[in-house]
C-alpha cells in the first residue's frame, strides 16, 4: 500500500502541476492556478499520515517505509524548485515571457549553483533522517528498525557525496574550452517576468 501511495503521490504531483499551469496560463486564472500548485504539499501530508497509520497497525518496518520518508524529504526540498522551473518554461512558451536562464556552466557561478543544489540534497536527506528517527522512536524496538537505520546511513552518504561534488567545483572551477566563449547566465533562479505572473 505504501509503495502504491508513493507512486500515486508522484503522479498526483505532475497532475497538479499540469492543472495549475493550465489554469494559470491557458485559462488565464492565475490565482486559481497558484492555489492548485500550492496544494501539492497535501500529497506528502497524506503519505506521511498513511505511513504512520501503517506502522501503528502493526506493519513491520521495511524498505517501503524508508522510501516514503526519502520521498517526502525530496519533495519537501525540491518540489517548489521544480514548480518554479516548470512555471518559468510555461510562461515562456504560453505567454511569450523571456526564456528562463539555464544553469551556469563555468567558474564560480557554476560552483554556487552546485552548492545550491547540494543544500537542497542535504536538506532532503536531513528531513528524511528526522522522519526515520521519529519512526524508530515510535516503534521502540531495535530489532525491527534495521531497515530504517540503513536508510538513515544512505541519506548520510548521499549528503556527503553531494558536498564533495560541490566542493570539487569550488576547488577546481570548471573552465570553458578555448574558442567556446564564457558568456552565460549568473544562475538558474527564475527571474520575474513582467506581467506574466511567474510563480514564486
C-alpha atoms as a PDB file:
ATOM      1  CA  UNK A   1       0.000   0.000   0.000  1.00  0.00           C
ATOM      2  CA  UNK A   2       2.789   2.437   0.872  1.00  0.00           C
ATOM      3  CA  UNK A   3       4.599   1.886  -2.433  1.00  0.00           C
ATOM      4  CA  UNK A   4       1.337   2.322  -4.341  1.00  0.00           C
ATOM      5  CA  UNK A   5       0.692   5.582  -2.497  1.00  0.00           C
ATOM      6  CA  UNK A   6       4.207   6.840  -3.298  1.00  0.00           C
ATOM      7  CA  UNK A   7       3.529   6.209  -6.998  1.00  0.00           C
ATOM      8  CA  UNK A   8       0.140   7.927  -6.727  1.00  0.00           C
ATOM      9  CA  UNK A   9       1.751  10.911  -4.988  1.00  0.00           C
ATOM     10  CA  UNK A  10       4.306  11.227  -7.792  1.00  0.00           C
ATOM     11  CA  UNK A  11       1.585  11.017 -10.431  1.00  0.00           C
ATOM     12  CA  UNK A  12      -0.526  13.454  -8.421  1.00  0.00           C
ATOM     13  CA  UNK A  13       2.368  15.929  -8.296  1.00  0.00           C
ATOM     14  CA  UNK A  14       2.589  16.091 -12.076  1.00  0.00           C
ATOM     15  CA  UNK A  15      -1.199  16.187 -12.474  1.00  0.00           C
ATOM     16  CA  UNK A  16      -1.442  19.124 -10.069  1.00  0.00           C
ATOM     17  CA  UNK A  17       1.479  20.815 -11.804  1.00  0.00           C
ATOM     18  CA  UNK A  18      -0.126  20.475 -15.229  1.00  0.00           C
ATOM     19  CA  UNK A  19      -3.521  21.565 -13.913  1.00  0.00           C
ATOM     20  CA  UNK A  20      -2.087  24.559 -12.083  1.00  0.00           C
ATOM     21  CA  UNK A  21      -0.072  25.765 -15.064  1.00  0.00           C
ATOM     22  CA  UNK A  22      -3.026  25.166 -17.393  1.00  0.00           C
ATOM     23  CA  UNK A  23      -5.296  27.276 -15.209  1.00  0.00           C
ATOM     24  CA  UNK A  24      -2.607  29.912 -14.846  1.00  0.00           C
ATOM     25  CA  UNK A  25      -1.645  30.408 -18.468  1.00  0.00           C
ATOM     26  CA  UNK A  26      -4.247  28.766 -20.722  1.00  0.00           C
ATOM     27  CA  UNK A  27      -7.418  29.733 -18.865  1.00  0.00           C
ATOM     28  CA  UNK A  28      -5.964  32.995 -17.511  1.00  0.00           C
ATOM     29  CA  UNK A  29      -6.819  32.132 -13.906  1.00  0.00           C
ATOM     30  CA  UNK A  30      -3.528  32.872 -12.123  1.00  0.00           C
ATOM     31  CA  UNK A  31      -4.862  32.827  -8.576  1.00  0.00           C
ATOM     32  CA  UNK A  32      -6.726  29.563  -9.041  1.00  0.00           C
ATOM     33  CA  UNK A  33      -3.685  28.056 -10.739  1.00  0.00           C
ATOM     34  CA  UNK A  34      -1.423  29.173  -7.887  1.00  0.00           C
ATOM     35  CA  UNK A  35      -3.842  27.665  -5.360  1.00  0.00           C
ATOM     36  CA  UNK A  36      -3.704  24.323  -7.179  1.00  0.00           C
ATOM     37  CA  UNK A  37       0.094  24.424  -7.237  1.00  0.00           C
ATOM     38  CA  UNK A  38       0.246  25.270  -3.536  1.00  0.00           C
ATOM     39  CA  UNK A  39      -1.967  22.258  -2.761  1.00  0.00           C
ATOM     40  CA  UNK A  40       0.870  19.892  -3.713  1.00  0.00           C
ATOM     41  CA  UNK A  41       2.240  19.569  -0.124  1.00  0.00           C
ATOM     42  CA  UNK A  42      -1.043  17.899   0.820  1.00  0.00           C
ATOM     43  CA  UNK A  43       0.161  14.829  -1.078  1.00  0.00           C
ATOM     44  CA  UNK A  44       3.180  14.468   1.191  1.00  0.00           C
ATOM     45  CA  UNK A  45       1.000  15.002   4.263  1.00  0.00           C
ATOM     46  CA  UNK A  46      -1.315  12.193   3.146  1.00  0.00           C
ATOM     47  CA  UNK A  47       1.671   9.906   2.548  1.00  0.00           C
ATOM     48  CA  UNK A  48       3.081  10.741   5.978  1.00  0.00           C
ATOM     49  CA  UNK A  49      -0.223  10.001   7.713  1.00  0.00           C
ATOM     50  CA  UNK A  50      -0.785   6.734   5.840  1.00  0.00           C
ATOM     51  CA  UNK A  51       2.766   5.561   6.618  1.00  0.00           C
ATOM     52  CA  UNK A  52       2.312   6.360  10.308  1.00  0.00           C
ATOM     53  CA  UNK A  53      -1.047   4.536  10.389  1.00  0.00           C
ATOM     54  CA  UNK A  54       0.504   1.537   8.634  1.00  0.00           C
ATOM     55  CA  UNK A  55       3.182   1.301  11.329  1.00  0.00           C
ATOM     56  CA  UNK A  56       0.635   1.851  14.090  1.00  0.00           C
ATOM     57  CA  UNK A  57      -1.441  -1.036  12.766  1.00  0.00           C
ATOM     58  CA  UNK A  58       1.471  -3.384  13.294  1.00  0.00           C
ATOM     59  CA  UNK A  59       3.190  -3.405   9.908  1.00  0.00           C
ATOM     60  CA  UNK A  60       6.819  -4.462  10.206  1.00  0.00           C
ATOM     61  CA  UNK A  61       9.125  -1.573   9.218  1.00  0.00           C
ATOM     62  CA  UNK A  62      10.912  -2.269   5.950  1.00  0.00           C
ATOM     63  CA  UNK A  63      12.326  -0.530   2.890  1.00  0.00           C
ATOM     64  CA  UNK A  64       8.877   0.803   1.868  1.00  0.00           C
ATOM     65  CA  UNK A  65       8.573   2.966   4.966  1.00  0.00           C
ATOM     66  CA  UNK A  66      12.124   4.209   4.492  1.00  0.00           C
ATOM     67  CA  UNK A  67      11.384   5.038   0.872  1.00  0.00           C
ATOM     68  CA  UNK A  68       8.318   7.017   1.944  1.00  0.00           C
ATOM     69  CA  UNK A  69      10.489   9.149   4.253  1.00  0.00           C
ATOM     70  CA  UNK A  70      13.023   9.718   1.462  1.00  0.00           C
ATOM     71  CA  UNK A  71      10.271  10.699  -0.980  1.00  0.00           C
ATOM     72  CA  UNK A  72       8.785  13.187   1.484  1.00  0.00           C
ATOM     73  CA  UNK A  73      12.236  14.666   2.117  1.00  0.00           C
ATOM     74  CA  UNK A  74      12.920  15.058  -1.601  1.00  0.00           C
ATOM     75  CA  UNK A  75       9.606  16.720  -2.418  1.00  0.00           C
ATOM     76  CA  UNK A  76       9.920  18.995   0.624  1.00  0.00           C
ATOM     77  CA  UNK A  77      13.204  20.456  -0.660  1.00  0.00           C
ATOM     78  CA  UNK A  78      12.852  20.076  -4.430  1.00  0.00           C
ATOM     79  CA  UNK A  79       9.118  20.389  -5.069  1.00  0.00           C
ATOM     80  CA  UNK A  80       8.962  24.189  -5.060  1.00  0.00           C
ATOM     81  CA  UNK A  81      12.124  24.406  -7.144  1.00  0.00           C
ATOM     82  CA  UNK A  82      10.623  22.095  -9.769  1.00  0.00           C
ATOM     83  CA  UNK A  83       7.367  24.069  -9.799  1.00  0.00           C
ATOM     84  CA  UNK A  84       9.236  27.341 -10.363  1.00  0.00           C
ATOM     85  CA  UNK A  85      11.252  25.734 -13.151  1.00  0.00           C
ATOM     86  CA  UNK A  86       8.109  24.468 -14.889  1.00  0.00           C
ATOM     87  CA  UNK A  87       6.333  27.779 -14.356  1.00  0.00           C
ATOM     88  CA  UNK A  88       9.161  29.695 -15.991  1.00  0.00           C
ATOM     89  CA  UNK A  89       9.062  27.483 -19.080  1.00  0.00           C
ATOM     90  CA  UNK A  90       5.263  27.636 -19.231  1.00  0.00           C
ATOM     91  CA  UNK A  91       5.393  31.435 -19.082  1.00  0.00           C
ATOM     92  CA  UNK A  92       7.936  31.417 -21.900  1.00  0.00           C
ATOM     93  CA  UNK A  93       6.019  29.051 -24.183  1.00  0.00           C
ATOM     94  CA  UNK A  94       2.465  30.141 -23.457  1.00  0.00           C
ATOM     95  CA  UNK A  95       2.754  33.838 -22.610  1.00  0.00           C
ATOM     96  CA  UNK A  96       5.833  34.961 -24.534  1.00  0.00           C
ATOM     97  CA  UNK A  97       7.985  35.627 -21.474  1.00  0.00           C
ATOM     98  CA  UNK A  98      11.768  35.505 -21.878  1.00  0.00           C
ATOM     99  CA  UNK A  99      13.297  32.045 -21.872  1.00  0.00           C
ATOM    100  CA  UNK A 100      14.365  31.055 -18.344  1.00  0.00           C
ATOM    101  CA  UNK A 101      18.082  31.262 -17.714  1.00  0.00           C
ATOM    102  CA  UNK A 102      19.949  27.987 -17.925  1.00  0.00           C
ATOM    103  CA  UNK A 103      22.179  26.897 -15.043  1.00  0.00           C
ATOM    104  CA  UNK A 104      25.671  28.366 -15.267  1.00  0.00           C
ATOM    105  CA  UNK A 105      28.303  26.050 -16.690  1.00  0.00           C
ATOM    106  CA  UNK A 106      31.609  27.573 -15.668  1.00  0.00           C
ATOM    107  CA  UNK A 107      33.580  29.268 -12.934  1.00  0.00           C
ATOM    108  CA  UNK A 108      32.335  30.262  -9.510  1.00  0.00           C
ATOM    109  CA  UNK A 109      28.836  30.776 -10.855  1.00  0.00           C
ATOM    110  CA  UNK A 110      28.725  27.041 -11.561  1.00  0.00           C
ATOM    111  CA  UNK A 111      30.154  26.347  -8.101  1.00  0.00           C
ATOM    112  CA  UNK A 112      27.456  28.498  -6.498  1.00  0.00           C
ATOM    113  CA  UNK A 113      24.796  26.626  -8.468  1.00  0.00           C
ATOM    114  CA  UNK A 114      26.192  23.284  -7.313  1.00  0.00           C
ATOM    115  CA  UNK A 115      26.172  24.453  -3.693  1.00  0.00           C
ATOM    116  CA  UNK A 116      22.523  25.497  -4.003  1.00  0.00           C
ATOM    117  CA  UNK A 117      21.628  22.078  -5.369  1.00  0.00           C
ATOM    118  CA  UNK A 118      23.727  20.450  -2.653  1.00  0.00           C
ATOM    119  CA  UNK A 119      21.867  22.430   0.004  1.00  0.00           C
ATOM    120  CA  UNK A 120      18.612  21.025  -1.345  1.00  0.00           C
ATOM    121  CA  UNK A 121      20.003  17.490  -1.393  1.00  0.00           C
ATOM    122  CA  UNK A 122      21.376  17.743   2.143  1.00  0.00           C
ATOM    123  CA  UNK A 123      18.098  19.247   3.305  1.00  0.00           C
ATOM    124  CA  UNK A 124      16.265  16.370   1.675  1.00  0.00           C
ATOM    125  CA  UNK A 125      18.457  13.871   3.470  1.00  0.00           C
ATOM    126  CA  UNK A 126      18.010  15.695   6.778  1.00  0.00           C
ATOM    127  CA  UNK A 127      14.212  15.701   6.517  1.00  0.00           C
ATOM    128  CA  UNK A 128      14.229  12.004   5.653  1.00  0.00           C
ATOM    129  CA  UNK A 129      16.610  11.199   8.506  1.00  0.00           C
ATOM    130  CA  UNK A 130      14.436  13.059  11.017  1.00  0.00           C
ATOM    131  CA  UNK A 131      11.290  11.275   9.835  1.00  0.00           C
ATOM    132  CA  UNK A 132      13.089   7.946  10.021  1.00  0.00           C
ATOM    133  CA  UNK A 133      14.294   8.711  13.551  1.00  0.00           C
ATOM    134  CA  UNK A 134      10.772   9.631  14.626  1.00  0.00           C
ATOM    135  CA  UNK A 135       9.592   6.297  13.231  1.00  0.00           C
ATOM    136  CA  UNK A 136      12.363   4.488  15.124  1.00  0.00           C
ATOM    137  CA  UNK A 137      11.384   6.171  18.400  1.00  0.00           C
ATOM    138  CA  UNK A 138       7.733   5.457  17.696  1.00  0.00           C
ATOM    139  CA  UNK A 139       8.385   1.750  17.141  1.00  0.00           C
ATOM    140  CA  UNK A 140      10.823   1.495  20.029  1.00  0.00           C
ATOM    141  CA  UNK A 141      12.228  -1.898  19.063  1.00  0.00           C
ATOM    142  CA  UNK A 142      15.797  -2.001  17.826  1.00  0.00           C
ATOM    143  CA  UNK A 143      15.236  -5.461  16.404  1.00  0.00           C
ATOM    144  CA  UNK A 144      12.674  -4.171  13.888  1.00  0.00           C
ATOM    145  CA  UNK A 145      14.180  -0.903  12.740  1.00  0.00           C
ATOM    146  CA  UNK A 146      17.324  -2.076  10.964  1.00  0.00           C
ATOM    147  CA  UNK A 147      15.949  -1.161   7.520  1.00  0.00           C
ATOM    148  CA  UNK A 148      15.078   2.350   8.729  1.00  0.00           C
ATOM    149  CA  UNK A 149      18.573   2.867  10.127  1.00  0.00           C
ATOM    150  CA  UNK A 150      20.017   1.674   6.814  1.00  0.00           C
ATOM    151  CA  UNK A 151      18.055   4.420   5.062  1.00  0.00           C
ATOM    152  CA  UNK A 152      19.498   6.957   7.512  1.00  0.00           C
ATOM    153  CA  UNK A 153      23.006   5.801   6.641  1.00  0.00           C
ATOM    154  CA  UNK A 154      22.201   6.051   2.942  1.00  0.00           C
ATOM    155  CA  UNK A 155      20.979   9.627   3.418  1.00  0.00           C
ATOM    156  CA  UNK A 156      24.203  10.489   5.218  1.00  0.00           C
ATOM    157  CA  UNK A 157      26.325   9.005   2.430  1.00  0.00           C
ATOM    158  CA  UNK A 158      24.260  10.790  -0.224  1.00  0.00           C
ATOM    159  CA  UNK A 159      24.711  14.120   1.579  1.00  0.00           C
ATOM    160  CA  UNK A 160      28.463  13.597   1.904  1.00  0.00           C
ATOM    161  CA  UNK A 161      28.802  12.760  -1.804  1.00  0.00           C
ATOM    162  CA  UNK A 162      26.857  15.900  -2.756  1.00  0.00           C
ATOM    163  CA  UNK A 163      29.084  18.081  -0.565  1.00  0.00           C
ATOM    164  CA  UNK A 164      32.237  16.604  -2.118  1.00  0.00           C
ATOM    165  CA  UNK A 165      30.741  17.149  -5.583  1.00  0.00           C
ATOM    166  CA  UNK A 166      30.022  20.837  -4.909  1.00  0.00           C
ATOM    167  CA  UNK A 167      33.414  21.290  -3.236  1.00  0.00           C
ATOM    168  CA  UNK A 168      35.155  19.964  -6.343  1.00  0.00           C
ATOM    169  CA  UNK A 169      33.619  22.789  -8.413  1.00  0.00           C
ATOM    170  CA  UNK A 170      34.839  25.299  -5.829  1.00  0.00           C
ATOM    171  CA  UNK A 171      38.401  23.990  -5.632  1.00  0.00           C
ATOM    172  CA  UNK A 172      38.664  23.258  -9.355  1.00  0.00           C
ATOM    173  CA  UNK A 173      36.258  25.664 -11.110  1.00  0.00           C
ATOM    174  CA  UNK A 174      35.160  24.403 -14.493  1.00  0.00           C
ATOM    175  CA  UNK A 175      36.524  26.472 -17.366  1.00  0.00           C
ATOM    176  CA  UNK A 176      35.150  26.839 -20.904  1.00  0.00           C
ATOM    177  CA  UNK A 177      37.072  25.169 -23.672  1.00  0.00           C
ATOM    178  CA  UNK A 178      39.168  27.506 -25.836  1.00  0.00           C
ATOM    179  CA  UNK A 179      37.061  29.115 -28.514  1.00  0.00           C
ATOM    180  CA  UNK A 180      33.705  28.359 -26.908  1.00  0.00           C
ATOM    181  CA  UNK A 181      33.358  31.639 -25.027  1.00  0.00           C
ATOM    182  CA  UNK A 182      32.312  32.034 -21.450  1.00  0.00           C
ATOM    183  CA  UNK A 183      29.108  34.024 -21.642  1.00  0.00           C
ATOM    184  CA  UNK A 184      26.364  32.515 -19.525  1.00  0.00           C
ATOM    185  CA  UNK A 185      23.630  33.426 -17.077  1.00  0.00           C
ATOM    186  CA  UNK A 186      24.648  34.017 -13.477  1.00  0.00           C
ATOM    187  CA  UNK A 187      22.386  31.340 -12.010  1.00  0.00           C
ATOM    188  CA  UNK A 188      19.304  29.217 -12.521  1.00  0.00           C
ATOM    189  CA  UNK A 189      16.891  31.071 -10.284  1.00  0.00           C
ATOM    190  CA  UNK A 190      13.695  32.120 -12.121  1.00  0.00           C
ATOM    191  CA  UNK A 191      13.523  35.839 -12.816  1.00  0.00           C
ATOM    192  CA  UNK A 192      10.425  37.976 -12.529  1.00  0.00           C
ATOM    193  CA  UNK A 193       8.661  38.041 -15.884  1.00  0.00           C
ATOM    194  CA  UNK A 194       6.931  41.368 -16.016  1.00  0.00           C
ATOM    195  CA  UNK A 195       3.186  40.862 -16.436  1.00  0.00           C
ATOM    196  CA  UNK A 196       3.286  37.089 -16.833  1.00  0.00           C
ATOM    197  CA  UNK A 197       2.956  36.450 -13.122  1.00  0.00           C
ATOM    198  CA  UNK A 198       5.780  33.988 -12.652  1.00  0.00           C
ATOM    199  CA  UNK A 199       5.089  31.674  -9.721  1.00  0.00           C
ATOM    200  CA  UNK A 200       7.143  32.449  -6.624  1.00  0.00           C
END
